[in-house]
Protein backbone atom coordinates (compact mmCIF):
# COMPACT_ATOMS: atom_id res chain seq x y z
CA UNK A 1 0.00 0.00 0.00
CA UNK A 2 2.83 2.43 0.50
CA UNK A 3 3.15 2.73 -3.32
CA UNK A 4 -0.40 3.86 -3.68
CA UNK A 5 0.07 6.36 -0.88
CA UNK A 6 3.14 7.76 -2.60
CA UNK A 7 1.35 8.28 -5.86
CA UNK A 8 -1.59 9.79 -4.08
CA UNK A 9 0.67 12.15 -2.20
CA UNK A 10 2.38 13.19 -5.44
CA UNK A 11 -0.94 13.95 -7.08
CA UNK A 12 -2.07 15.99 -4.10
CA UNK A 13 1.21 17.89 -4.07
CA UNK A 14 0.97 18.66 -7.79
CA UNK A 15 -2.63 19.79 -7.39
CA UNK A 16 -1.66 22.11 -4.52
CA UNK A 17 1.25 23.62 -6.46
CA UNK A 18 -0.96 24.26 -9.49
CA UNK A 19 -3.66 25.82 -7.29
CA UNK A 20 -1.11 28.11 -5.63
CA UNK A 21 0.30 29.20 -8.98
CA UNK A 22 -3.13 29.94 -10.37
CA UNK A 23 -4.26 31.82 -7.29
CA UNK A 24 -1.00 33.74 -7.10
CA UNK A 25 -1.41 34.99 -10.66
CA UNK A 26 -5.08 35.84 -10.31
CA UNK A 27 -5.88 39.46 -11.07
CA UNK A 28 -2.48 40.22 -12.55
CA UNK A 29 -1.77 40.67 -16.25
CA UNK A 30 0.83 38.48 -17.74
CA UNK A 31 3.87 40.08 -19.28
CA UNK A 32 4.72 38.51 -22.56
CA UNK A 33 8.22 38.39 -23.88
CA UNK A 34 6.91 38.02 -27.45
CA UNK A 35 6.89 41.14 -29.58
CA UNK A 36 3.44 42.63 -29.67
CA UNK A 37 1.94 43.64 -32.97
CA UNK A 38 -0.27 46.69 -33.16
CA UNK A 39 -3.85 46.11 -34.07
CA UNK A 40 -4.71 47.02 -37.63
CA UNK A 41 -8.44 46.90 -37.22
CA UNK A 42 -9.97 49.90 -38.91
CA UNK A 43 -13.44 50.90 -39.86
CA UNK A 44 -12.63 51.83 -43.46
CA UNK A 45 -15.38 51.72 -46.02
CA UNK A 46 -15.68 48.34 -47.72
CA UNK A 47 -14.14 48.12 -51.16
CA UNK A 48 -16.31 47.28 -54.10
CA UNK A 49 -15.19 45.20 -57.02
CA UNK A 50 -17.96 46.17 -59.39
CA UNK A 51 -16.88 48.04 -62.48
CA UNK A 52 -19.19 50.85 -63.56
CA UNK A 53 -20.85 50.48 -66.95
CA UNK A 54 -19.39 52.16 -70.02
CA UNK A 55 -20.44 55.76 -70.48
CA UNK A 56 -21.91 57.15 -73.67
CA UNK A 57 -18.70 59.13 -74.28
CA UNK A 58 -16.56 56.01 -73.88
CA UNK A 59 -18.72 54.05 -76.29
CA UNK A 60 -18.63 56.92 -78.79
CA UNK A 61 -14.83 57.07 -78.52
CA UNK A 62 -14.53 53.33 -79.18
CA UNK A 63 -16.91 53.61 -82.11
CA UNK A 64 -14.75 56.39 -83.58
CA UNK A 65 -11.64 54.17 -83.30
CA UNK A 66 -13.42 51.32 -85.10
CA UNK A 67 -14.60 53.74 -87.80
CA UNK A 68 -11.03 55.01 -88.23
CA UNK A 69 -9.75 51.46 -88.64
CA UNK A 70 -12.45 50.58 -91.17
CA UNK A 71 -11.83 53.78 -93.14
CA UNK A 72 -8.11 53.11 -93.52
CA UNK A 73 -8.45 49.38 -94.20
CA UNK A 74 -11.17 49.97 -96.81
CA UNK A 75 -8.75 51.99 -98.93
CA UNK A 76 -6.14 49.24 -98.81
CA UNK A 77 -8.57 46.38 -99.49
CA UNK A 78 -9.32 47.58 -103.00
CA UNK A 79 -8.27 45.09 -105.62
CA UNK A 80 -6.87 45.68 -109.08
CA UNK A 81 -5.11 48.92 -108.12
CA UNK A 82 -2.28 50.26 -110.27
CA UNK A 83 0.36 51.91 -108.12
CA UNK A 84 0.69 55.20 -109.92
CA UNK A 85 2.43 58.15 -108.29
CA UNK A 86 -1.00 59.62 -107.49
CA UNK A 87 -2.16 56.35 -105.89
CA UNK A 88 0.98 56.10 -103.74
CA UNK A 89 0.46 59.71 -102.66
CA UNK A 90 -3.20 58.97 -101.90
CA UNK A 91 -2.22 55.95 -99.79
CA UNK A 92 0.33 58.09 -97.93
CA UNK A 93 -2.33 60.71 -97.19
CA UNK A 94 -4.76 58.04 -95.96
CA UNK A 95 -2.17 56.66 -93.56
CA UNK A 96 -1.24 60.15 -92.37
CA UNK A 97 -4.91 60.71 -91.52
CA UNK A 98 -4.75 58.37 -88.52
CA UNK A 99 -2.92 60.87 -86.34
CA UNK A 100 -5.19 63.72 -87.41
CA UNK A 101 -8.30 61.64 -86.68
CA UNK A 102 -6.96 60.55 -83.30
CA UNK A 103 -6.31 64.18 -82.41
CA UNK A 104 -9.86 65.04 -83.49
CA UNK A 105 -11.53 62.39 -81.33
CA UNK A 106 -9.24 63.28 -78.42
CA UNK A 107 -8.00 61.22 -75.51
CA UNK A 108 -10.35 58.73 -73.85
CA UNK A 109 -11.26 58.14 -70.21
CA UNK A 110 -8.73 56.61 -67.83
CA UNK A 111 -10.02 53.07 -68.22
CA UNK A 112 -9.65 53.26 -72.02
CA UNK A 113 -6.00 54.34 -71.84
CA UNK A 114 -4.77 50.82 -72.77
CA UNK A 115 -6.84 51.04 -75.95
CA UNK A 116 -5.51 54.53 -76.63
CA UNK A 117 -1.93 53.25 -76.31
CA UNK A 118 -2.55 50.70 -79.09
CA UNK A 119 -4.18 53.33 -81.30
CA UNK A 120 -1.24 55.73 -80.81
CA UNK A 121 1.17 52.95 -81.78
CA UNK A 122 -0.96 52.17 -84.84
CA UNK A 123 -0.91 55.81 -85.93
CA UNK A 124 2.88 55.89 -85.50
CA UNK A 125 3.15 52.83 -87.77
CA UNK A 126 0.81 54.47 -90.27
CA UNK A 127 2.97 57.63 -90.22
CA UNK A 128 6.00 55.48 -90.97
CA UNK A 129 4.10 53.88 -93.87
CA UNK A 130 3.05 57.30 -95.15
CA UNK A 131 6.68 58.46 -95.28
CA UNK A 132 7.70 55.31 -97.12
CA UNK A 133 4.92 55.61 -99.70
CA UNK A 134 5.68 59.30 -100.17
CA UNK A 135 9.31 58.32 -100.85
CA UNK A 136 8.16 55.72 -103.40
CA UNK A 137 5.95 58.31 -105.09
CA UNK A 138 8.84 60.77 -105.13
CA UNK A 139 11.09 58.50 -107.21
CA UNK A 140 8.31 57.34 -109.56
CA UNK A 141 7.07 58.86 -112.79
CA UNK A 142 3.36 59.67 -113.14
CA UNK A 143 2.52 56.08 -114.11
CA UNK A 144 4.39 54.76 -111.03
CA UNK A 145 7.28 53.44 -113.08
CA UNK A 146 11.02 53.74 -112.63
CA UNK A 147 13.94 52.72 -114.79
CA UNK A 148 14.86 49.13 -113.98
CA UNK A 149 18.08 48.33 -112.10
CA UNK A 150 18.63 51.90 -110.98
CA UNK A 151 18.95 53.44 -107.55
CA UNK A 152 15.44 54.84 -108.01
CA UNK A 153 14.09 51.33 -108.68
CA UNK A 154 15.72 49.98 -105.52
CA UNK A 155 14.49 52.93 -103.49
CA UNK A 156 10.97 52.53 -104.82
CA UNK A 157 10.88 48.80 -104.07
CA UNK A 158 12.14 49.27 -100.50
CA UNK A 159 9.77 52.17 -99.92
CA UNK A 160 6.69 50.35 -101.25
CA UNK A 161 7.51 47.29 -99.14
CA UNK A 162 8.05 49.50 -96.10
CA UNK A 163 4.78 51.37 -96.70
CA UNK A 164 2.62 48.27 -97.01
CA UNK A 165 4.36 46.53 -94.12
CA UNK A 166 3.74 49.55 -91.88
CA UNK A 167 0.11 49.66 -93.04
CA UNK A 168 -0.30 46.00 -92.04
CA UNK A 169 1.40 46.55 -88.69
CA UNK A 170 -0.80 49.57 -87.98
CA UNK A 171 -3.92 47.62 -88.88
CA UNK A 172 -2.86 44.78 -86.58
CA UNK A 173 -2.35 47.24 -83.74
CA UNK A 174 -5.86 48.59 -84.30
CA UNK A 175 -7.16 45.01 -84.13
CA UNK A 176 -5.34 44.74 -80.77
CA UNK A 177 -6.94 48.01 -79.67
CA UNK A 178 -10.38 46.74 -80.57
CA UNK A 179 -9.75 43.45 -78.73
CA UNK A 180 -8.66 45.37 -75.63
CA UNK A 181 -11.79 47.50 -75.93
CA UNK A 182 -13.92 44.36 -75.94
CA UNK A 183 -12.17 43.12 -72.77
CA UNK A 184 -12.89 46.42 -71.04
CA UNK A 185 -16.52 46.36 -72.20
CA UNK A 186 -16.91 42.81 -70.88
CA UNK A 187 -15.51 43.82 -67.47
CA UNK A 188 -17.98 46.72 -67.35
CA UNK A 189 -20.85 44.33 -68.07
C-alpha atoms as a PDB file:
ATOM      1  CA  UNK A   1       0.000   0.000   0.000  1.00  0.00           C
ATOM      2  CA  UNK A   2       2.825   2.432   0.504  1.00  0.00           C
ATOM      3  CA  UNK A   3       3.150   2.733  -3.324  1.00  0.00           C
ATOM      4  CA  UNK A   4      -0.395   3.864  -3.676  1.00  0.00           C
ATOM      5  CA  UNK A   5       0.069   6.357  -0.877  1.00  0.00           C
ATOM      6  CA  UNK A   6       3.140   7.759  -2.599  1.00  0.00           C
ATOM      7  CA  UNK A   7       1.348   8.281  -5.864  1.00  0.00           C
ATOM      8  CA  UNK A   8      -1.594   9.788  -4.076  1.00  0.00           C
ATOM      9  CA  UNK A   9       0.675  12.148  -2.195  1.00  0.00           C
ATOM     10  CA  UNK A  10       2.379  13.191  -5.437  1.00  0.00           C
ATOM     11  CA  UNK A  11      -0.938  13.946  -7.078  1.00  0.00           C
ATOM     12  CA  UNK A  12      -2.069  15.994  -4.105  1.00  0.00           C
ATOM     13  CA  UNK A  13       1.209  17.886  -4.074  1.00  0.00           C
ATOM     14  CA  UNK A  14       0.969  18.664  -7.795  1.00  0.00           C
ATOM     15  CA  UNK A  15      -2.628  19.795  -7.392  1.00  0.00           C
ATOM     16  CA  UNK A  16      -1.665  22.114  -4.518  1.00  0.00           C
ATOM     17  CA  UNK A  17       1.249  23.618  -6.456  1.00  0.00           C
ATOM     18  CA  UNK A  18      -0.959  24.263  -9.487  1.00  0.00           C
ATOM     19  CA  UNK A  19      -3.658  25.823  -7.294  1.00  0.00           C
ATOM     20  CA  UNK A  20      -1.108  28.109  -5.635  1.00  0.00           C
ATOM     21  CA  UNK A  21       0.295  29.199  -8.979  1.00  0.00           C
ATOM     22  CA  UNK A  22      -3.135  29.940 -10.372  1.00  0.00           C
ATOM     23  CA  UNK A  23      -4.259  31.824  -7.290  1.00  0.00           C
ATOM     24  CA  UNK A  24      -1.003  33.743  -7.101  1.00  0.00           C
ATOM     25  CA  UNK A  25      -1.413  34.995 -10.656  1.00  0.00           C
ATOM     26  CA  UNK A  26      -5.077  35.837 -10.306  1.00  0.00           C
ATOM     27  CA  UNK A  27      -5.876  39.457 -11.069  1.00  0.00           C
ATOM     28  CA  UNK A  28      -2.479  40.217 -12.553  1.00  0.00           C
ATOM     29  CA  UNK A  29      -1.770  40.673 -16.249  1.00  0.00           C
ATOM     30  CA  UNK A  30       0.830  38.484 -17.743  1.00  0.00           C
ATOM     31  CA  UNK A  31       3.868  40.077 -19.278  1.00  0.00           C
ATOM     32  CA  UNK A  32       4.716  38.513 -22.564  1.00  0.00           C
ATOM     33  CA  UNK A  33       8.220  38.390 -23.883  1.00  0.00           C
ATOM     34  CA  UNK A  34       6.910  38.022 -27.448  1.00  0.00           C
ATOM     35  CA  UNK A  35       6.888  41.140 -29.585  1.00  0.00           C
ATOM     36  CA  UNK A  36       3.443  42.631 -29.667  1.00  0.00           C
ATOM     37  CA  UNK A  37       1.941  43.637 -32.966  1.00  0.00           C
ATOM     38  CA  UNK A  38      -0.271  46.688 -33.161  1.00  0.00           C
ATOM     39  CA  UNK A  39      -3.851  46.115 -34.068  1.00  0.00           C
ATOM     40  CA  UNK A  40      -4.712  47.018 -37.631  1.00  0.00           C
ATOM     41  CA  UNK A  41      -8.444  46.903 -37.223  1.00  0.00           C
ATOM     42  CA  UNK A  42      -9.967  49.902 -38.914  1.00  0.00           C
ATOM     43  CA  UNK A  43     -13.440  50.896 -39.862  1.00  0.00           C
ATOM     44  CA  UNK A  44     -12.631  51.834 -43.456  1.00  0.00           C
ATOM     45  CA  UNK A  45     -15.376  51.717 -46.018  1.00  0.00           C
ATOM     46  CA  UNK A  46     -15.680  48.339 -47.716  1.00  0.00           C
ATOM     47  CA  UNK A  47     -14.135  48.121 -51.156  1.00  0.00           C
ATOM     48  CA  UNK A  48     -16.309  47.281 -54.101  1.00  0.00           C
ATOM     49  CA  UNK A  49     -15.193  45.200 -57.023  1.00  0.00           C
ATOM     50  CA  UNK A  50     -17.960  46.172 -59.386  1.00  0.00           C
ATOM     51  CA  UNK A  51     -16.882  48.037 -62.483  1.00  0.00           C
ATOM     52  CA  UNK A  52     -19.188  50.852 -63.555  1.00  0.00           C
ATOM     53  CA  UNK A  53     -20.849  50.480 -66.953  1.00  0.00           C
ATOM     54  CA  UNK A  54     -19.386  52.161 -70.021  1.00  0.00           C
ATOM     55  CA  UNK A  55     -20.442  55.764 -70.478  1.00  0.00           C
ATOM     56  CA  UNK A  56     -21.911  57.149 -73.674  1.00  0.00           C
ATOM     57  CA  UNK A  57     -18.702  59.129 -74.276  1.00  0.00           C
ATOM     58  CA  UNK A  58     -16.557  56.010 -73.876  1.00  0.00           C
ATOM     59  CA  UNK A  59     -18.721  54.046 -76.287  1.00  0.00           C
ATOM     60  CA  UNK A  60     -18.626  56.917 -78.787  1.00  0.00           C
ATOM     61  CA  UNK A  61     -14.828  57.073 -78.518  1.00  0.00           C
ATOM     62  CA  UNK A  62     -14.526  53.326 -79.175  1.00  0.00           C
ATOM     63  CA  UNK A  63     -16.910  53.610 -82.112  1.00  0.00           C
ATOM     64  CA  UNK A  64     -14.747  56.391 -83.584  1.00  0.00           C
ATOM     65  CA  UNK A  65     -11.641  54.170 -83.303  1.00  0.00           C
ATOM     66  CA  UNK A  66     -13.424  51.318 -85.103  1.00  0.00           C
ATOM     67  CA  UNK A  67     -14.603  53.737 -87.798  1.00  0.00           C
ATOM     68  CA  UNK A  68     -11.032  55.006 -88.234  1.00  0.00           C
ATOM     69  CA  UNK A  69      -9.749  51.456 -88.638  1.00  0.00           C
ATOM     70  CA  UNK A  70     -12.445  50.580 -91.166  1.00  0.00           C
ATOM     71  CA  UNK A  71     -11.833  53.776 -93.138  1.00  0.00           C
ATOM     72  CA  UNK A  72      -8.105  53.111 -93.516  1.00  0.00           C
ATOM     73  CA  UNK A  73      -8.453  49.379 -94.197  1.00  0.00           C
ATOM     74  CA  UNK A  74     -11.169  49.971 -96.806  1.00  0.00           C
ATOM     75  CA  UNK A  75      -8.750  51.989 -98.927  1.00  0.00           C
ATOM     76  CA  UNK A  76      -6.136  49.239 -98.807  1.00  0.00           C
ATOM     77  CA  UNK A  77      -8.571  46.377 -99.492  1.00  0.00           C
ATOM     78  CA  UNK A  78      -9.321  47.584-102.998  1.00  0.00           C
ATOM     79  CA  UNK A  79      -8.272  45.089-105.615  1.00  0.00           C
ATOM     80  CA  UNK A  80      -6.870  45.682-109.085  1.00  0.00           C
ATOM     81  CA  UNK A  81      -5.114  48.924-108.116  1.00  0.00           C
ATOM     82  CA  UNK A  82      -2.283  50.256-110.274  1.00  0.00           C
ATOM     83  CA  UNK A  83       0.364  51.906-108.120  1.00  0.00           C
ATOM     84  CA  UNK A  84       0.691  55.203-109.915  1.00  0.00           C
ATOM     85  CA  UNK A  85       2.433  58.146-108.292  1.00  0.00           C
ATOM     86  CA  UNK A  86      -0.995  59.619-107.492  1.00  0.00           C
ATOM     87  CA  UNK A  87      -2.162  56.355-105.886  1.00  0.00           C
ATOM     88  CA  UNK A  88       0.982  56.097-103.739  1.00  0.00           C
ATOM     89  CA  UNK A  89       0.457  59.708-102.657  1.00  0.00           C
ATOM     90  CA  UNK A  90      -3.199  58.970-101.902  1.00  0.00           C
ATOM     91  CA  UNK A  91      -2.217  55.948 -99.792  1.00  0.00           C
ATOM     92  CA  UNK A  92       0.329  58.085 -97.928  1.00  0.00           C
ATOM     93  CA  UNK A  93      -2.334  60.709 -97.189  1.00  0.00           C
ATOM     94  CA  UNK A  94      -4.757  58.039 -95.958  1.00  0.00           C
ATOM     95  CA  UNK A  95      -2.169  56.657 -93.565  1.00  0.00           C
ATOM     96  CA  UNK A  96      -1.236  60.145 -92.368  1.00  0.00           C
ATOM     97  CA  UNK A  97      -4.905  60.714 -91.516  1.00  0.00           C
ATOM     98  CA  UNK A  98      -4.746  58.371 -88.518  1.00  0.00           C
ATOM     99  CA  UNK A  99      -2.921  60.867 -86.337  1.00  0.00           C
ATOM    100  CA  UNK A 100      -5.191  63.717 -87.414  1.00  0.00           C
ATOM    101  CA  UNK A 101      -8.300  61.636 -86.681  1.00  0.00           C
ATOM    102  CA  UNK A 102      -6.964  60.550 -83.303  1.00  0.00           C
ATOM    103  CA  UNK A 103      -6.311  64.185 -82.407  1.00  0.00           C
ATOM    104  CA  UNK A 104      -9.858  65.045 -83.486  1.00  0.00           C
ATOM    105  CA  UNK A 105     -11.526  62.393 -81.328  1.00  0.00           C
ATOM    106  CA  UNK A 106      -9.244  63.278 -78.418  1.00  0.00           C
ATOM    107  CA  UNK A 107      -7.999  61.219 -75.514  1.00  0.00           C
ATOM    108  CA  UNK A 108     -10.349  58.725 -73.853  1.00  0.00           C
ATOM    109  CA  UNK A 109     -11.263  58.144 -70.215  1.00  0.00           C
ATOM    110  CA  UNK A 110      -8.734  56.613 -67.831  1.00  0.00           C
ATOM    111  CA  UNK A 111     -10.015  53.072 -68.216  1.00  0.00           C
ATOM    112  CA  UNK A 112      -9.652  53.262 -72.015  1.00  0.00           C
ATOM    113  CA  UNK A 113      -5.998  54.342 -71.840  1.00  0.00           C
ATOM    114  CA  UNK A 114      -4.766  50.820 -72.766  1.00  0.00           C
ATOM    115  CA  UNK A 115      -6.842  51.039 -75.953  1.00  0.00           C
ATOM    116  CA  UNK A 116      -5.510  54.526 -76.625  1.00  0.00           C
ATOM    117  CA  UNK A 117      -1.928  53.246 -76.306  1.00  0.00           C
ATOM    118  CA  UNK A 118      -2.549  50.695 -79.085  1.00  0.00           C
ATOM    119  CA  UNK A 119      -4.183  53.334 -81.299  1.00  0.00           C
ATOM    120  CA  UNK A 120      -1.240  55.728 -80.810  1.00  0.00           C
ATOM    121  CA  UNK A 121       1.166  52.951 -81.785  1.00  0.00           C
ATOM    122  CA  UNK A 122      -0.959  52.173 -84.840  1.00  0.00           C
ATOM    123  CA  UNK A 123      -0.908  55.810 -85.926  1.00  0.00           C
ATOM    124  CA  UNK A 124       2.876  55.886 -85.497  1.00  0.00           C
ATOM    125  CA  UNK A 125       3.148  52.825 -87.768  1.00  0.00           C
ATOM    126  CA  UNK A 126       0.812  54.475 -90.272  1.00  0.00           C
ATOM    127  CA  UNK A 127       2.968  57.626 -90.215  1.00  0.00           C
ATOM    128  CA  UNK A 128       5.998  55.476 -90.974  1.00  0.00           C
ATOM    129  CA  UNK A 129       4.104  53.880 -93.868  1.00  0.00           C
ATOM    130  CA  UNK A 130       3.053  57.305 -95.146  1.00  0.00           C
ATOM    131  CA  UNK A 131       6.678  58.460 -95.277  1.00  0.00           C
ATOM    132  CA  UNK A 132       7.700  55.306 -97.117  1.00  0.00           C
ATOM    133  CA  UNK A 133       4.923  55.608 -99.695  1.00  0.00           C
ATOM    134  CA  UNK A 134       5.682  59.304-100.173  1.00  0.00           C
ATOM    135  CA  UNK A 135       9.307  58.321-100.846  1.00  0.00           C
ATOM    136  CA  UNK A 136       8.160  55.722-103.399  1.00  0.00           C
ATOM    137  CA  UNK A 137       5.954  58.308-105.094  1.00  0.00           C
ATOM    138  CA  UNK A 138       8.841  60.769-105.134  1.00  0.00           C
ATOM    139  CA  UNK A 139      11.089  58.498-107.206  1.00  0.00           C
ATOM    140  CA  UNK A 140       8.305  57.344-109.560  1.00  0.00           C
ATOM    141  CA  UNK A 141       7.072  58.861-112.792  1.00  0.00           C
ATOM    142  CA  UNK A 142       3.364  59.675-113.142  1.00  0.00           C
ATOM    143  CA  UNK A 143       2.522  56.077-114.110  1.00  0.00           C
ATOM    144  CA  UNK A 144       4.387  54.759-111.032  1.00  0.00           C
ATOM    145  CA  UNK A 145       7.280  53.440-113.084  1.00  0.00           C
ATOM    146  CA  UNK A 146      11.017  53.740-112.628  1.00  0.00           C
ATOM    147  CA  UNK A 147      13.944  52.724-114.794  1.00  0.00           C
ATOM    148  CA  UNK A 148      14.856  49.126-113.982  1.00  0.00           C
ATOM    149  CA  UNK A 149      18.080  48.329-112.099  1.00  0.00           C
ATOM    150  CA  UNK A 150      18.631  51.903-110.982  1.00  0.00           C
ATOM    151  CA  UNK A 151      18.951  53.437-107.553  1.00  0.00           C
ATOM    152  CA  UNK A 152      15.437  54.839-108.009  1.00  0.00           C
ATOM    153  CA  UNK A 153      14.090  51.331-108.682  1.00  0.00           C
ATOM    154  CA  UNK A 154      15.724  49.980-105.518  1.00  0.00           C
ATOM    155  CA  UNK A 155      14.489  52.934-103.492  1.00  0.00           C
ATOM    156  CA  UNK A 156      10.966  52.531-104.823  1.00  0.00           C
ATOM    157  CA  UNK A 157      10.877  48.796-104.073  1.00  0.00           C
ATOM    158  CA  UNK A 158      12.142  49.268-100.498  1.00  0.00           C
ATOM    159  CA  UNK A 159       9.774  52.172 -99.924  1.00  0.00           C
ATOM    160  CA  UNK A 160       6.690  50.348-101.248  1.00  0.00           C
ATOM    161  CA  UNK A 161       7.508  47.292 -99.138  1.00  0.00           C
ATOM    162  CA  UNK A 162       8.048  49.499 -96.103  1.00  0.00           C
ATOM    163  CA  UNK A 163       4.783  51.367 -96.705  1.00  0.00           C
ATOM    164  CA  UNK A 164       2.622  48.271 -97.008  1.00  0.00           C
ATOM    165  CA  UNK A 165       4.363  46.526 -94.120  1.00  0.00           C
ATOM    166  CA  UNK A 166       3.736  49.547 -91.881  1.00  0.00           C
ATOM    167  CA  UNK A 167       0.108  49.660 -93.035  1.00  0.00           C
ATOM    168  CA  UNK A 168      -0.302  46.000 -92.037  1.00  0.00           C
ATOM    169  CA  UNK A 169       1.398  46.548 -88.693  1.00  0.00           C
ATOM    170  CA  UNK A 170      -0.796  49.568 -87.984  1.00  0.00           C
ATOM    171  CA  UNK A 171      -3.916  47.624 -88.883  1.00  0.00           C
ATOM    172  CA  UNK A 172      -2.861  44.780 -86.580  1.00  0.00           C
ATOM    173  CA  UNK A 173      -2.350  47.244 -83.738  1.00  0.00           C
ATOM    174  CA  UNK A 174      -5.858  48.594 -84.303  1.00  0.00           C
ATOM    175  CA  UNK A 175      -7.159  45.013 -84.125  1.00  0.00           C
ATOM    176  CA  UNK A 176      -5.335  44.739 -80.773  1.00  0.00           C
ATOM    177  CA  UNK A 177      -6.938  48.013 -79.668  1.00  0.00           C
ATOM    178  CA  UNK A 178     -10.383  46.738 -80.568  1.00  0.00           C
ATOM    179  CA  UNK A 179      -9.752  43.449 -78.725  1.00  0.00           C
ATOM    180  CA  UNK A 180      -8.656  45.374 -75.631  1.00  0.00           C
ATOM    181  CA  UNK A 181     -11.793  47.505 -75.926  1.00  0.00           C
ATOM    182  CA  UNK A 182     -13.920  44.356 -75.938  1.00  0.00           C
ATOM    183  CA  UNK A 183     -12.174  43.121 -72.774  1.00  0.00           C
ATOM    184  CA  UNK A 184     -12.891  46.418 -71.043  1.00  0.00           C
ATOM    185  CA  UNK A 185     -16.516  46.359 -72.199  1.00  0.00           C
ATOM    186  CA  UNK A 186     -16.914  42.807 -70.879  1.00  0.00           C
ATOM    187  CA  UNK A 187     -15.513  43.818 -67.468  1.00  0.00           C
ATOM    188  CA  UNK A 188     -17.979  46.717 -67.353  1.00  0.00           C
ATOM    189  CA  UNK A 189     -20.847  44.328 -68.069  1.00  0.00           C
END
